[in-house]
Amino acid sequence: MALATRTDRRPSMTRTLWGSTVGKKAIMAVSGLIMLLYLVVHMIGNLKIFFGSGEFNHYAHWLRTMGEPFLHYEWALWIVRVVLVVAAVLHATSAYQLSRRDIRARPAAYVHRKPRASYATRTMRWGGIILVLFIVWHILDLTTGTVHSGGFQSGHPYQNVVDTFSTWYGNTIYIVAMLAVGLHVQHGFWSAAQTLGAGNATRDRALKTIANVLALVLTVGFISVPVAVMTGVVS
């Protein structure tokens, strides 16, 4: 007599989390906050350019040596890169799948028009696409030097940044992308707070204010670098 085999194995917690709408929203929120933290740190680092080439180049060198001697050269930087790539993939995949799930749930047009969403909310999808394209260009420009103008100089990030923002297209691409970052952060932070249960009737106004301030500070902070190069403040 053959032994019966069990075919009713329960799915793992990870698979259950990923398969549920609530789980995807939570993953999207956490991955978004990880990338937001990186943006804040990255912006602060970028502002070191106002203290001169020595300070900026020293900061860029420190990024590659942080963690030494426990970690080897650039190991910490690669750990950060891997975490960011994983967060970005999870964030984009969750956003896409949630969007498709929402469309399938409402195949017919609304009988009554929905209340008009904010500009930031309505541009989240296109903003995400713009940011993905920008990240690719940014890496090819200032990390690998593949599309860099003026001759890429490895180990001289200050001069590479000045070269990039000495061109009209470098400034245009960067500024448009940073405006998209601001809109994405404004809506994304608010959405993440709601998903993770931080929002309520008494904290909503404070969370909206924090989202607006974060978006404004990041946008102005990032855009200040190309503006400084264009106006000769940084050269």
Protein backbone atom coordinates (compact mmCIF):
# COMPACT_ATOMS: atom_id res chain seq x y z
CA MET A 1 0.00 0.00 0.00
CA ALA A 2 1.54 3.31 -1.11
CA LEU A 3 2.05 5.96 1.50
CA ALA A 4 0.07 9.15 0.96
CA THR A 5 2.12 12.30 0.43
CA ARG A 6 1.18 15.64 1.88
CA THR A 7 0.48 18.26 -0.78
CA ASP A 8 -1.04 20.88 1.50
CA ARG A 9 2.18 22.50 2.65
CA ARG A 10 1.54 25.96 3.99
CA PRO A 11 3.35 28.78 2.17
CA SER A 12 6.24 30.43 3.97
CA MET A 13 5.75 33.69 5.85
CA THR A 14 7.91 35.50 3.27
CA ARG A 15 5.80 34.21 0.38
CA THR A 16 2.58 35.08 2.20
CA LEU A 17 3.85 38.60 2.91
CA TRP A 18 4.93 39.14 -0.69
CA GLY A 19 1.69 37.75 -2.08
CA SER A 20 -0.63 39.98 -0.06
CA THR A 21 -1.55 43.57 -0.88
CA VAL A 22 -0.77 44.67 2.68
CA GLY A 23 2.60 42.93 2.49
CA LYS A 24 3.52 44.59 -0.81
CA LYS A 25 2.56 47.99 0.59
CA ALA A 26 4.69 47.39 3.68
CA ILE A 27 7.67 46.29 1.57
CA MET A 28 7.21 49.33 -0.64
CA ALA A 29 7.08 51.60 2.41
CA VAL A 30 10.18 50.17 4.11
CA SER A 31 12.24 50.09 0.90
CA GLY A 32 11.18 53.68 0.20
CA LEU A 33 12.31 54.82 3.64
CA ILE A 34 15.69 53.12 3.12
CA MET A 35 16.16 55.04 -0.12
CA LEU A 36 14.97 58.25 1.56
CA LEU A 37 17.62 57.86 4.27
CA TYR A 38 20.23 57.42 1.54
CA LEU A 39 19.01 60.57 -0.22
CA VAL A 40 19.39 62.63 2.97
CA VAL A 41 22.93 61.35 3.57
CA HIS A 42 23.85 61.75 -0.10
CA MET A 43 22.59 65.34 -0.18
CA ILE A 44 24.62 66.24 2.92
CA GLY A 45 27.70 64.73 1.30
CA ASN A 46 27.07 66.64 -1.94
CA LEU A 47 26.98 69.94 -0.05
CA LYS A 48 30.64 69.42 0.91
CA ILE A 49 31.44 70.70 -2.57
CA PHE A 50 30.90 74.23 -1.20
CA PHE A 51 33.94 73.74 1.07
CA GLY A 52 36.33 73.28 -1.84
CA SER A 53 37.89 70.51 -3.89
CA GLY A 54 40.07 69.20 -1.05
CA GLU A 55 37.13 68.67 1.30
CA PHE A 56 34.92 67.13 -1.40
CA ASN A 57 37.59 64.79 -2.75
CA HIS A 58 38.51 63.73 0.78
CA TYR A 59 34.87 62.87 1.47
CA ALA A 60 34.68 60.81 -1.75
CA HIS A 61 37.85 58.96 -0.70
CA TRP A 62 36.42 58.31 2.78
CA LEU A 63 33.37 56.64 1.22
CA ARG A 64 35.71 54.04 -0.23
CA THR A 65 37.73 53.50 2.94
CA MET A 66 34.98 53.60 5.59
CA GLY A 67 35.00 50.49 7.72
CA GLU A 68 38.72 49.89 7.33
CA PRO A 69 40.62 47.98 8.57
CA PHE A 70 37.73 45.68 9.51
CA LEU A 71 36.39 45.91 5.95
CA HIS A 72 38.50 45.96 2.81
CA TYR A 73 38.69 48.93 0.45
CA GLU A 74 35.23 49.80 -0.98
CA TRP A 75 33.50 46.88 0.78
CA ALA A 76 31.27 49.17 2.85
CA LEU A 77 30.42 51.20 -0.24
CA TRP A 78 29.47 48.05 -2.13
CA ILE A 79 27.32 46.90 0.79
CA VAL A 80 25.46 50.21 0.59
CA ARG A 81 25.09 49.83 -3.18
CA VAL A 82 23.71 46.30 -2.89
CA VAL A 83 21.21 47.35 -0.21
CA LEU A 84 20.07 50.25 -2.40
CA VAL A 85 19.69 48.04 -5.49
CA VAL A 86 17.65 45.49 -3.52
CA ALA A 87 15.49 48.28 -2.03
CA ALA A 88 14.98 49.87 -5.47
CA VAL A 89 14.01 46.56 -7.10
CA LEU A 90 11.58 45.67 -4.30
CA HIS A 91 10.12 49.19 -4.36
CA ALA A 92 9.62 49.27 -8.14
CA THR A 93 8.31 45.70 -8.34
CA SER A 94 5.85 46.26 -5.49
CA ALA A 95 4.64 49.50 -7.06
CA TYR A 96 4.12 47.85 -10.46
CA GLN A 97 2.33 44.80 -9.07
CA LEU A 98 0.10 46.89 -6.82
CA SER A 99 -0.79 49.07 -9.79
CA ARG A 100 -1.68 46.04 -11.91
CA ARG A 101 -3.67 44.54 -9.04
CA ASP A 102 -5.58 47.81 -8.64
CA ILE A 103 -6.39 47.91 -12.36
CA ARG A 104 -7.66 44.31 -12.32
CA ALA A 105 -9.82 45.06 -9.29
CA ARG A 106 -11.51 47.96 -11.11
CA PRO A 107 -11.75 47.05 -14.81
CA ALA A 108 -14.65 49.42 -15.44
CA ALA A 109 -14.41 53.19 -15.32
CA TYR A 110 -15.77 54.91 -12.25
CA VAL A 111 -19.41 55.97 -12.54
CA HIS A 112 -18.62 58.96 -10.37
CA ARG A 113 -15.36 60.79 -10.89
CA LYS A 114 -12.90 60.31 -8.03
CA PRO A 115 -11.72 63.40 -6.14
CA ARG A 116 -8.77 64.97 -7.94
CA ALA A 117 -5.48 63.76 -6.46
CA SER A 118 -2.53 65.99 -5.74
CA TYR A 119 0.01 66.65 -8.50
CA ALA A 120 2.62 64.60 -6.61
CA THR A 121 0.25 61.63 -6.39
CA ARG A 122 -0.69 61.76 -10.08
CA THR A 123 2.96 61.90 -11.19
CA MET A 124 4.33 59.11 -8.95
CA ARG A 125 4.52 56.58 -11.78
CA TRP A 126 6.20 58.89 -14.28
CA GLY A 127 8.39 60.28 -11.54
CA GLY A 128 9.60 56.77 -10.76
CA ILE A 129 10.45 56.13 -14.42
CA ILE A 130 12.32 59.45 -14.63
CA LEU A 131 14.33 58.56 -11.52
CA VAL A 132 15.27 55.11 -12.86
CA LEU A 133 16.53 56.63 -16.11
CA PHE A 134 18.38 59.33 -14.17
CA ILE A 135 20.11 56.83 -11.88
CA VAL A 136 21.43 54.95 -14.94
CA TRP A 137 22.70 58.20 -16.49
CA HIS A 138 24.14 59.42 -13.17
CA ILE A 139 26.16 56.22 -12.69
CA LEU A 140 27.43 56.28 -16.28
CA ASP A 141 28.35 59.94 -15.85
CA LEU A 142 30.00 60.26 -12.43
CA THR A 143 30.81 56.68 -11.40
CA THR A 144 32.04 54.93 -14.55
CA GLY A 145 32.64 58.05 -16.66
CA THR A 146 31.12 56.35 -19.72
CA VAL A 147 29.01 59.35 -20.80
CA HIS A 148 30.99 62.01 -18.93
CA SER A 149 31.80 65.25 -20.69
CA GLY A 150 35.20 66.94 -20.57
CA GLY A 151 37.22 63.81 -19.86
CA PHE A 152 36.49 61.71 -16.76
CA GLN A 153 39.20 61.90 -14.08
CA SER A 154 39.18 58.92 -11.73
CA GLY A 155 39.86 60.02 -8.16
CA HIS A 156 38.91 63.65 -8.88
CA PRO A 157 35.15 63.78 -8.16
CA TYR A 158 35.14 67.55 -7.62
CA GLN A 159 36.35 68.25 -11.15
CA ASN A 160 34.02 65.61 -12.59
CA VAL A 161 31.02 67.28 -10.94
CA VAL A 162 32.08 70.70 -12.24
CA ASP A 163 32.49 69.25 -15.74
CA THR A 164 29.00 67.73 -15.68
CA PHE A 165 27.28 70.89 -14.51
CA SER A 166 29.19 73.04 -16.97
CA THR A 167 26.96 71.61 -19.72
CA TRP A 168 23.37 72.62 -20.38
CA TYR A 169 22.18 69.03 -20.74
CA GLY A 170 23.90 67.92 -17.53
CA ASN A 171 22.10 70.66 -15.62
CA THR A 172 18.76 69.98 -17.32
CA ILE A 173 18.82 66.23 -16.66
CA TYR A 174 19.86 66.69 -13.03
CA ILE A 175 17.40 69.47 -12.16
CA VAL A 176 14.43 67.68 -13.78
CA ALA A 177 15.34 64.50 -11.89
CA MET A 178 15.65 66.34 -8.57
CA LEU A 179 12.23 67.95 -9.06
CA ALA A 180 10.88 64.43 -9.60
CA VAL A 181 12.66 63.35 -6.41
CA GLY A 182 10.93 66.12 -4.48
CA LEU A 183 7.48 65.15 -5.72
CA HIS A 184 8.18 61.47 -5.11
CA VAL A 185 9.36 62.10 -1.55
CA GLN A 186 6.43 64.40 -0.78
CA HIS A 187 3.86 61.74 -1.57
CA GLY A 188 6.00 58.69 -0.76
CA PHE A 189 6.84 59.68 2.81
CA TRP A 190 3.19 60.36 3.55
CA SER A 191 2.12 57.04 2.01
CA ALA A 192 4.81 55.11 3.89
CA ALA A 193 3.74 56.65 7.20
CA GLN A 194 0.13 55.64 6.58
CA THR A 195 1.08 52.11 5.52
CA LEU A 196 3.25 51.54 8.60
CA GLY A 197 0.54 52.83 10.92
CA ALA A 198 2.24 56.08 11.95
CA GLY A 199 -0.61 58.28 10.81
CA ASN A 200 -3.72 59.14 12.76
CA ALA A 201 -6.08 62.07 13.20
CA THR A 202 -3.72 63.91 15.55
CA ARG A 203 -0.48 63.27 13.64
CA ASP A 204 -1.65 63.72 10.05
CA ARG A 205 -0.89 67.42 9.88
CA ALA A 206 2.59 66.92 11.37
CA LEU A 207 3.37 64.08 8.95
CA LYS A 208 2.24 66.16 5.97
CA THR A 209 4.45 69.02 7.16
CA ILE A 210 7.43 66.68 7.55
CA ALA A 211 6.81 65.30 4.04
CA ASN A 212 6.68 68.80 2.56
CA VAL A 213 9.81 69.96 4.42
CA LEU A 214 11.76 66.83 3.45
CA ALA A 215 10.79 67.24 -0.20
CA LEU A 216 11.74 70.93 -0.19
CA VAL A 217 15.06 70.47 1.62
CA LEU A 218 16.14 67.59 -0.62
CA THR A 219 15.13 69.38 -3.81
CA VAL A 220 16.85 72.65 -2.88
CA GLY A 221 19.90 70.85 -1.47
CA PHE A 222 20.50 68.77 -4.57
CA ILE A 223 19.73 71.55 -7.06
CA SER A 224 22.01 74.00 -5.25
CA VAL A 225 25.07 72.15 -6.61
CA PRO A 226 24.41 72.62 -10.36
CA VAL A 227 23.17 76.16 -9.70
CA ALA A 228 26.43 76.92 -7.85
CA VAL A 229 28.46 75.64 -10.80
CA MET A 230 26.35 77.56 -13.32
CA THR A 231 26.75 80.82 -11.38
CA GLY A 232 30.47 80.37 -10.74
CA VAL A 233 30.17 79.90 -6.98
CA VAL A 234 31.76 76.48 -7.47
CA SER A 235 34.36 76.22 -10.21
